[in-house]
Amino acid sequence: MLELYFVRHGETEWNRENRLQGRLNSPLTERGVKHAVLLAERLAAEDFAAVISSSSNRAVETAKILLGKKEGLPFFTDDRLMEIDLGDWQGKTQEEIQASDPRGYECYYHYPHLYSRPGCEGFLDVKKRLEGFLEDLESNFTHGKLLIVTHGMVIKVLQQLVCKGLPVERLWDPPWIEGTSVTIVRAGGGLRELVVEGDISHLKNL
């Protein structure tokens, strides 16, 4: 049985400014680094077989903090773990997007089954590449723990569409995925089970 520890990257400058990042990048804030360090301390005793990260800088930076002193642990990046491609929304604040594309904004946040924009990914596109990623993991690893650093939307799709099998309409059902939150999936024998969703217990004393 595999235990997959999915972690969202730490807070970035654009997260703090309420800007959508998508495939663009923004550096971790001091707070984002601090939260990643606290999570590294929490995960220090876990015996991971490998670390796999989105190739986005903010995810790689978070993954390297989580690695800490685990020298020699295999480290890979995979583009299938990248955030949803939002095209010309990327780098804009939610307020700017709502003003320039009110229907697209409304669909994205309130009616996700209706969201579609030319040249951009939809939620089912994210599901498809995530399914392929999981299938490859299950073929290459039969047991053990893997640490996977990725993005908020990828983890939402993992929770709602992949593991729970819910329709796209339910994509935004809680819990919310905070920076450095942990979502754990057990996978094996053709089954995937959500064990932990969006846990931020390492931040409880802040």
Protein backbone atom coordinates (compact mmCIF):
# COMPACT_ATOMS: atom_id res chain seq x y z
CA MET A 1 0.00 0.00 0.00
CA LEU A 2 1.25 3.47 -0.90
CA GLU A 3 0.81 6.49 1.37
CA LEU A 4 0.94 9.70 -0.65
CA TYR A 5 1.52 12.90 1.33
CA PHE A 6 0.29 15.78 -0.86
CA VAL A 7 1.48 19.19 0.37
CA ARG A 8 0.53 22.58 -0.99
CA HIS A 9 3.48 24.96 -1.38
CA GLY A 10 4.01 27.70 1.21
CA GLU A 11 2.49 31.17 0.96
CA THR A 12 3.92 33.35 -1.83
CA GLU A 13 4.02 37.08 -2.46
CA TRP A 14 1.19 36.73 -4.99
CA ASN A 15 -0.89 34.64 -2.58
CA ARG A 16 -0.65 37.52 -0.13
CA GLU A 17 -1.66 39.98 -2.86
CA ASN A 18 -4.62 37.78 -3.87
CA ARG A 19 -3.18 37.23 -7.36
CA LEU A 20 -3.78 34.03 -9.32
CA GLN A 21 -0.46 32.39 -10.15
CA GLY A 22 -1.19 29.41 -12.36
CA ARG A 23 1.93 28.61 -14.37
CA LEU A 24 3.65 31.88 -13.43
CA ASN A 25 5.69 32.09 -10.27
CA SER A 26 6.15 34.20 -7.16
CA PRO A 27 8.66 33.68 -4.33
CA LEU A 28 7.71 32.34 -0.92
CA THR A 29 7.05 34.94 1.75
CA GLU A 30 8.81 34.87 5.11
CA ARG A 31 5.58 33.39 6.48
CA GLY A 32 5.54 30.74 3.76
CA VAL A 33 9.09 29.70 4.61
CA LYS A 34 8.30 29.61 8.34
CA HIS A 35 5.26 27.39 7.78
CA ALA A 36 7.29 25.03 5.58
CA VAL A 37 9.97 24.78 8.28
CA LEU A 38 7.30 23.87 10.84
CA LEU A 39 5.93 21.21 8.52
CA ALA A 40 9.45 19.86 7.95
CA GLU A 41 9.77 19.42 11.71
CA ARG A 42 6.44 17.60 11.81
CA LEU A 43 7.42 15.26 8.97
CA ALA A 44 11.01 14.68 10.13
CA ALA A 45 10.27 11.22 11.50
CA GLU A 46 8.45 10.01 8.37
CA ASP A 47 10.41 7.54 6.25
CA PHE A 48 9.73 8.78 2.72
CA ALA A 49 10.95 6.76 -0.25
CA ALA A 50 11.11 9.84 -2.50
CA VAL A 51 10.01 13.44 -2.92
CA ILE A 52 8.19 14.52 -6.07
CA SER A 53 7.45 18.19 -6.75
CA SER A 54 5.72 20.33 -9.30
CA SER A 55 8.41 21.97 -11.41
CA SER A 56 7.15 25.45 -10.41
CA ASN A 57 9.75 27.32 -8.37
CA ARG A 58 7.44 27.89 -5.39
CA ALA A 59 6.79 24.16 -5.08
CA VAL A 60 10.46 23.22 -5.53
CA GLU A 61 11.47 25.79 -2.93
CA THR A 62 8.93 24.34 -0.49
CA ALA A 63 10.03 20.77 -1.25
CA LYS A 64 13.68 21.61 -0.53
CA ILE A 65 12.72 23.05 2.86
CA LEU A 66 10.72 19.90 3.63
CA LEU A 67 13.67 17.72 2.66
CA GLY A 68 15.67 19.36 5.44
CA LYS A 69 18.54 17.10 6.39
CA LYS A 70 17.22 14.05 4.54
CA GLU A 71 20.31 13.84 2.35
CA GLY A 72 20.29 11.31 -0.44
CA LEU A 73 16.50 11.06 -0.65
CA PRO A 74 15.48 10.80 -4.32
CA PHE A 75 14.02 14.08 -5.57
CA PHE A 76 12.06 14.45 -8.81
CA THR A 77 9.95 17.10 -10.51
CA ASP A 78 6.90 16.37 -12.66
CA ASP A 79 5.07 18.90 -14.85
CA ARG A 80 1.79 17.04 -14.28
CA LEU A 81 1.80 18.43 -10.74
CA MET A 82 1.84 22.06 -11.95
CA GLU A 83 -1.00 24.43 -11.16
CA ILE A 84 -3.93 24.84 -13.55
CA ASP A 85 -3.02 26.94 -16.60
CA LEU A 86 -5.17 30.08 -16.37
CA GLY A 87 -3.82 31.91 -19.40
CA ASP A 88 -4.12 35.70 -19.25
CA TRP A 89 -5.64 35.58 -15.76
CA GLN A 90 -2.24 34.67 -14.38
CA GLY A 91 -0.65 37.48 -12.38
CA LYS A 92 -3.95 39.35 -11.99
CA THR A 93 -5.84 39.88 -8.74
CA GLN A 94 -9.25 38.33 -8.27
CA GLU A 95 -10.74 41.84 -8.33
CA GLU A 96 -9.11 42.58 -11.70
CA ILE A 97 -10.38 39.30 -13.14
CA GLN A 98 -13.90 39.88 -11.84
CA ALA A 99 -13.93 43.34 -13.44
CA SER A 100 -12.56 42.25 -16.83
CA ASP A 101 -14.26 38.84 -17.17
CA PRO A 102 -17.25 38.70 -14.82
CA ARG A 103 -18.82 35.59 -16.38
CA GLY A 104 -15.56 33.63 -16.40
CA TYR A 105 -14.94 34.65 -12.80
CA GLU A 106 -18.45 33.62 -11.72
CA CYS A 107 -18.13 30.22 -13.39
CA TYR A 108 -14.66 29.54 -12.01
CA TYR A 109 -15.59 30.25 -8.39
CA HIS A 110 -19.30 29.41 -8.25
CA TYR A 111 -20.24 27.18 -11.21
CA PRO A 112 -17.04 25.22 -11.98
CA HIS A 113 -18.87 22.79 -14.29
CA LEU A 114 -19.50 25.77 -16.62
CA TYR A 115 -15.95 27.12 -16.54
CA SER A 116 -14.21 27.06 -19.94
CA ARG A 117 -11.82 29.54 -21.50
CA PRO A 118 -10.01 29.18 -24.87
CA GLY A 119 -6.34 28.33 -24.55
CA CYS A 120 -6.63 27.53 -20.83
CA GLU A 121 -7.00 24.33 -18.87
CA GLY A 122 -10.30 23.24 -17.41
CA PHE A 123 -10.72 21.27 -14.21
CA LEU A 124 -11.13 18.00 -16.09
CA ASP A 125 -7.81 18.65 -17.85
CA VAL A 126 -6.15 18.83 -14.43
CA LYS A 127 -7.94 15.60 -13.44
CA LYS A 128 -6.67 13.82 -16.54
CA ARG A 129 -3.00 14.66 -15.96
CA LEU A 130 -3.31 13.91 -12.25
CA GLU A 131 -4.81 10.50 -13.04
CA GLY A 132 -1.85 9.76 -15.31
CA PHE A 133 0.58 10.83 -12.60
CA LEU A 134 -1.09 8.56 -10.02
CA GLU A 135 -1.17 5.60 -12.39
CA ASP A 136 2.57 5.97 -13.00
CA LEU A 137 3.24 6.15 -9.25
CA GLU A 138 1.23 3.01 -8.62
CA SER A 139 3.18 1.23 -11.34
CA ASN A 140 6.61 2.32 -10.09
CA PHE A 141 6.04 2.10 -6.31
CA THR A 142 4.20 -0.77 -4.67
CA HIS A 143 4.41 0.41 -1.06
CA GLY A 144 5.92 3.04 1.22
CA LYS A 145 5.46 6.78 1.68
CA LEU A 146 5.97 9.47 -0.95
CA LEU A 147 6.05 13.22 -0.34
CA ILE A 148 4.40 15.19 -3.16
CA VAL A 149 4.55 18.99 -3.28
CA THR A 150 2.05 20.67 -5.56
CA HIS A 151 -0.66 23.37 -5.75
CA GLY A 152 -4.05 24.19 -4.30
CA MET A 153 -6.18 23.42 -7.35
CA VAL A 154 -4.35 20.16 -8.02
CA ILE A 155 -5.14 19.01 -4.47
CA LYS A 156 -8.78 20.13 -4.75
CA VAL A 157 -9.13 18.08 -7.93
CA LEU A 158 -7.43 15.14 -6.21
CA GLN A 159 -9.86 15.32 -3.28
CA GLN A 160 -13.14 15.94 -5.02
CA LEU A 161 -12.89 14.50 -8.52
CA VAL A 162 -10.28 11.75 -8.24
CA CYS A 163 -10.71 10.26 -4.76
CA LYS A 164 -14.29 11.14 -3.87
CA GLY A 165 -15.56 10.80 -7.43
CA LEU A 166 -17.73 13.89 -7.07
CA PRO A 167 -18.97 15.89 -10.09
CA VAL A 168 -17.18 19.09 -11.06
CA GLU A 169 -20.05 21.07 -9.52
CA ARG A 170 -18.75 19.99 -6.09
CA LEU A 171 -15.16 21.09 -6.70
CA TRP A 172 -15.18 23.89 -4.12
CA ASP A 173 -16.68 21.80 -1.31
CA PRO A 174 -14.63 22.15 1.90
CA PRO A 175 -12.05 21.76 3.25
CA TRP A 176 -10.03 24.66 1.85
CA ILE A 177 -6.40 23.88 1.00
CA GLU A 178 -4.11 26.22 2.93
CA GLY A 179 -0.42 26.74 2.24
CA THR A 180 1.68 23.80 3.57
CA SER A 181 -1.47 21.80 4.37
CA VAL A 182 -1.19 18.01 4.19
CA THR A 183 -3.59 15.70 2.36
CA ILE A 184 -2.85 11.97 2.62
CA VAL A 185 -4.06 9.37 0.13
CA ARG A 186 -3.67 5.60 0.47
CA ALA A 187 -3.43 3.88 -2.89
CA GLY A 188 -3.20 0.26 -3.89
CA GLY A 189 -5.13 -2.56 -5.53
CA GLY A 190 -6.95 -0.12 -7.77
CA LEU A 191 -8.36 1.81 -4.81
CA ARG A 192 -7.60 5.31 -3.52
CA GLU A 193 -8.67 6.44 -0.07
CA LEU A 194 -8.49 9.94 1.40
CA VAL A 195 -7.10 9.55 4.92
CA VAL A 196 -6.35 13.20 5.78
CA GLU A 197 -7.61 16.36 4.06
CA GLY A 198 -6.04 19.81 4.29
CA ASP A 199 -4.44 19.27 7.70
CA ILE A 200 -2.57 22.27 9.17
CA SER A 201 -2.03 21.01 12.71
CA HIS A 202 1.64 22.05 12.49
CA LEU A 203 0.42 25.67 12.56
CA LYS A 204 -1.90 25.35 15.57
CA ASN A 205 0.40 27.21 17.96
CA LEU A 206 0.91 30.27 15.74
